[in-house]
Amino acid sequence: MAGLVILGIWAAGLLAFADRIVRLTPAADPAPADGVVALTGGSDIRLRVGTALLEAGKGRRLLVSGVNHRVTRAEIWALTGAAKPMFDCCVDLDFAASNTVGNARETAGWARTMGYHSLILVTADYHTPRAALELKAMAPQLAVTVYPVATADLDAREWWTSSDGARRMVAEYTKYLVALGRETLLAMGPSNTPTHTVRPEAPRS
């Protein structure tokens, strides 16, 4: 009986989580912040959106977090479609992060190095709640505005109608619960301090 109750609570939470994802997009036009961070993923649209926000004056610099070690700066530039002078001047790349916690750690360190107090966080719609949670845990002093990007191959309104959609939503909801539970347990403990920082790169000719 207790197991059924727990399952029912979990299922209700999943439905609420999925409804939250639906409501995230389209993202509202954000107010300008000190910086913009775009988390890498399966699609380059996050990079293009982050770059567009930078070009629109929504931040002074852009951090692309979680870049694969095998990818070059020139390849990232090609994906963003940014004007090269702006890319060379104002885009920093993080090669250290390999997961969401790493993204949060590197972003927090970058913001601290730059002296930033506010950020716009660009990531996939379904990933936004966990990414924001992890970033706020690493840098509670930061004012974070989320800018979710709709996932092309995920219909958040009817995620249960495909095995891929259901698997992705359930997996992300579970990861979110784990992160939420961890942060709740650590709420009374010492603050996390970033161990890595991404420093701005020198402009290239």
Protein backbone atom coordinates (compact mmCIF):
# COMPACT_ATOMS: atom_id res chain seq x y z
CA MET A 1 0.00 0.00 0.00
CA ALA A 2 2.78 2.42 0.93
CA GLY A 3 4.51 1.58 -2.34
CA LEU A 4 1.39 2.50 -4.32
CA VAL A 5 1.13 5.80 -2.49
CA ILE A 6 4.77 6.60 -3.22
CA LEU A 7 4.30 5.62 -6.87
CA GLY A 8 1.23 7.84 -7.10
CA ILE A 9 3.10 10.81 -5.65
CA TRP A 10 6.00 10.21 -8.03
CA ALA A 11 3.65 9.98 -11.04
CA ALA A 12 1.83 13.19 -10.02
CA GLY A 13 5.18 14.92 -9.70
CA LEU A 14 6.20 13.70 -13.16
CA LEU A 15 3.04 15.14 -14.71
CA ALA A 16 3.62 18.46 -12.94
CA PHE A 17 7.23 18.47 -14.11
CA ALA A 18 6.19 17.81 -17.72
CA ASP A 19 3.59 20.59 -17.55
CA ARG A 20 6.29 22.93 -16.26
CA ILE A 21 8.45 22.08 -19.28
CA VAL A 22 5.56 22.86 -21.65
CA ARG A 23 5.12 26.28 -20.07
CA LEU A 24 8.81 27.21 -20.42
CA THR A 25 8.74 27.89 -24.14
CA PRO A 26 8.66 30.13 -25.99
CA ALA A 27 11.01 32.01 -23.68
CA ALA A 28 10.24 35.62 -22.87
CA ASP A 29 12.64 38.33 -24.00
CA PRO A 30 15.07 38.57 -21.07
CA ALA A 31 16.30 41.74 -19.45
CA PRO A 32 20.02 42.38 -19.98
CA ALA A 33 22.36 40.59 -17.58
CA ASP A 34 26.08 40.73 -16.93
CA GLY A 35 26.74 37.57 -18.95
CA VAL A 36 25.18 34.77 -20.95
CA VAL A 37 25.97 31.06 -20.64
CA ALA A 38 24.94 28.42 -23.17
CA LEU A 39 25.19 24.75 -22.23
CA THR A 40 26.21 22.40 -25.01
CA GLY A 41 24.05 19.45 -25.98
CA GLY A 42 22.87 17.34 -28.86
CA SER A 43 21.91 20.37 -30.95
CA ASP A 44 23.83 23.53 -31.86
CA ILE A 45 20.70 25.65 -31.49
CA ARG A 46 21.64 26.53 -27.90
CA LEU A 47 24.91 28.00 -29.17
CA ARG A 48 23.12 30.04 -31.82
CA VAL A 49 20.58 31.30 -29.30
CA GLY A 50 23.28 32.23 -26.79
CA THR A 51 25.21 34.07 -29.49
CA ALA A 52 22.08 35.91 -30.62
CA LEU A 53 21.49 37.09 -27.06
CA LEU A 54 25.08 38.32 -26.87
CA GLU A 55 24.74 40.15 -30.18
CA ALA A 56 21.50 41.71 -28.94
CA GLY A 57 23.34 43.23 -25.98
CA LYS A 58 21.79 40.91 -23.39
CA GLY A 59 25.19 40.26 -21.84
CA ARG A 60 28.79 41.45 -22.02
CA ARG A 61 30.29 38.01 -22.64
CA LEU A 62 29.11 34.53 -23.56
CA LEU A 63 30.36 31.31 -21.97
CA VAL A 64 29.84 28.08 -23.92
CA SER A 65 30.06 25.38 -21.27
CA GLY A 66 30.76 21.70 -21.80
CA VAL A 67 32.65 21.86 -25.10
CA ASN A 68 34.08 18.53 -26.22
CA HIS A 69 37.88 18.39 -26.05
CA ARG A 70 38.03 17.26 -29.67
CA VAL A 71 36.17 20.36 -30.90
CA THR A 72 38.18 23.41 -31.86
CA ARG A 73 37.36 27.05 -31.26
CA ALA A 74 37.01 27.54 -35.00
CA GLU A 75 34.41 24.76 -35.16
CA ILE A 76 32.41 26.34 -32.34
CA TRP A 77 32.52 29.68 -34.15
CA ALA A 78 31.14 28.04 -37.29
CA LEU A 79 28.25 26.55 -35.30
CA THR A 80 27.26 29.83 -33.68
CA GLY A 81 27.08 31.84 -36.89
CA ALA A 82 28.48 34.81 -34.97
CA ALA A 83 30.44 37.65 -36.49
CA LYS A 84 34.09 36.70 -36.00
CA PRO A 85 35.16 39.95 -34.28
CA MET A 86 32.47 39.50 -31.64
CA PHE A 87 33.24 35.80 -31.23
CA ASP A 88 36.96 36.47 -30.82
CA CYS A 89 36.31 39.32 -28.43
CA CYS A 90 33.55 38.09 -26.21
CA VAL A 91 33.04 34.30 -26.29
CA ASP A 92 34.73 32.00 -23.75
CA LEU A 93 34.81 28.23 -24.02
CA ASP A 94 34.70 25.73 -21.15
CA PHE A 95 36.22 22.35 -21.94
CA ALA A 96 36.19 21.03 -18.34
CA ALA A 97 32.49 20.35 -17.73
CA SER A 98 31.18 16.92 -18.70
CA ASN A 99 27.78 17.00 -16.98
CA THR A 100 25.26 19.41 -15.47
CA VAL A 101 27.07 19.69 -12.14
CA GLY A 102 30.26 20.48 -14.05
CA ASN A 103 28.42 23.10 -16.11
CA ALA A 104 27.25 24.74 -12.90
CA ARG A 105 30.71 24.63 -11.32
CA GLU A 106 32.48 26.10 -14.33
CA THR A 107 29.79 28.74 -14.88
CA ALA A 108 29.93 29.83 -11.25
CA GLY A 109 33.71 30.10 -11.43
CA TRP A 110 33.55 32.07 -14.67
CA ALA A 111 31.01 34.49 -13.24
CA ARG A 112 33.10 34.97 -10.13
CA THR A 113 36.26 35.58 -12.17
CA MET A 114 34.43 38.13 -14.32
CA GLY A 115 32.80 39.82 -11.34
CA TYR A 116 29.32 39.09 -12.70
CA HIS A 117 26.22 39.17 -10.54
CA SER A 118 23.59 38.16 -13.09
CA LEU A 119 23.45 35.60 -15.90
CA ILE A 120 21.11 34.40 -18.62
CA LEU A 121 21.16 30.59 -18.73
CA VAL A 122 20.47 29.01 -22.14
CA THR A 123 19.74 25.29 -22.31
CA ALA A 124 17.13 22.82 -23.53
CA ASP A 125 13.60 23.21 -22.17
CA TYR A 126 13.52 19.83 -20.39
CA HIS A 127 17.00 20.45 -18.91
CA THR A 128 16.26 23.94 -17.61
CA PRO A 129 14.90 23.11 -14.11
CA ARG A 130 17.89 20.93 -13.18
CA ALA A 131 20.48 23.22 -14.78
CA ALA A 132 19.08 26.23 -12.92
CA LEU A 133 18.93 24.27 -9.65
CA GLU A 134 22.56 23.16 -9.94
CA LEU A 135 23.75 26.66 -10.84
CA LYS A 136 21.91 28.28 -7.93
CA ALA A 137 23.40 25.66 -5.60
CA MET A 138 26.92 26.51 -6.79
CA ALA A 139 26.37 30.29 -6.86
CA PRO A 140 23.36 31.31 -4.75
CA GLN A 141 24.37 34.96 -5.02
CA LEU A 142 23.85 35.00 -8.79
CA ALA A 143 20.63 36.30 -10.28
CA VAL A 144 19.83 33.70 -12.94
CA THR A 145 17.34 34.25 -15.76
CA VAL A 146 16.55 31.05 -17.65
CA TYR A 147 16.17 31.08 -21.43
CA PRO A 148 14.86 27.63 -22.40
CA VAL A 149 15.17 26.40 -25.96
CA ALA A 150 12.46 24.08 -27.31
CA THR A 151 13.77 20.60 -28.09
CA ALA A 152 13.02 19.73 -31.71
CA ASP A 153 12.71 15.97 -31.19
CA LEU A 154 10.70 16.15 -27.96
CA ASP A 155 7.00 17.01 -27.96
CA ALA A 156 6.67 18.18 -24.38
CA ARG A 157 2.88 18.29 -24.70
CA GLU A 158 2.61 14.63 -25.71
CA TRP A 159 5.85 13.15 -24.40
CA TRP A 160 4.12 9.93 -23.33
CA THR A 161 3.14 9.02 -26.90
CA SER A 162 6.65 7.91 -27.88
CA SER A 163 9.13 5.67 -26.12
CA ASP A 164 11.95 8.18 -26.67
CA GLY A 165 9.89 11.05 -25.29
CA ALA A 166 8.77 9.08 -22.25
CA ARG A 167 12.29 7.84 -21.57
CA ARG A 168 13.78 11.31 -21.79
CA MET A 169 11.14 12.94 -19.60
CA VAL A 170 11.26 10.23 -16.93
CA ALA A 171 15.05 10.25 -16.90
CA GLU A 172 15.25 14.03 -16.56
CA TYR A 173 12.57 14.13 -13.87
CA THR A 174 14.44 11.47 -11.91
CA LYS A 175 17.73 13.35 -12.21
CA TYR A 176 15.96 16.51 -11.09
CA LEU A 177 14.59 14.77 -8.01
CA VAL A 178 18.04 13.44 -7.14
CA ALA A 179 19.55 16.93 -7.47
CA LEU A 180 16.72 18.47 -5.46
CA GLY A 181 17.08 15.86 -2.74
CA ARG A 182 20.83 16.34 -2.56
CA GLU A 183 20.55 20.10 -2.29
CA THR A 184 17.85 19.81 0.36
CA LEU A 185 20.11 17.58 2.46
CA LEU A 186 23.05 19.93 2.01
CA ALA A 187 21.08 23.12 2.61
CA MET A 188 22.44 23.49 6.12
CA GLY A 189 26.00 22.59 5.10
CA PRO A 190 28.85 24.74 3.78
CA SER A 191 28.43 26.41 0.41
CA ASN A 192 29.94 24.76 -2.63
CA THR A 193 32.96 26.59 -3.94
CA PRO A 194 33.89 26.29 -7.61
CA THR A 195 37.28 24.64 -8.13
CA HIS A 196 37.67 25.62 -11.79
CA THR A 197 37.36 28.93 -13.49
CA VAL A 198 37.09 29.82 -17.14
CA ARG A 199 39.13 32.89 -17.90
CA PRO A 200 38.40 35.18 -20.84
CA GLU A 201 40.54 34.41 -23.84
CA ALA A 202 42.69 37.04 -25.46
CA PRO A 203 41.24 38.49 -28.67
CA ARG A 204 42.62 36.80 -31.77
CA SER A 205 43.55 38.49 -34.97
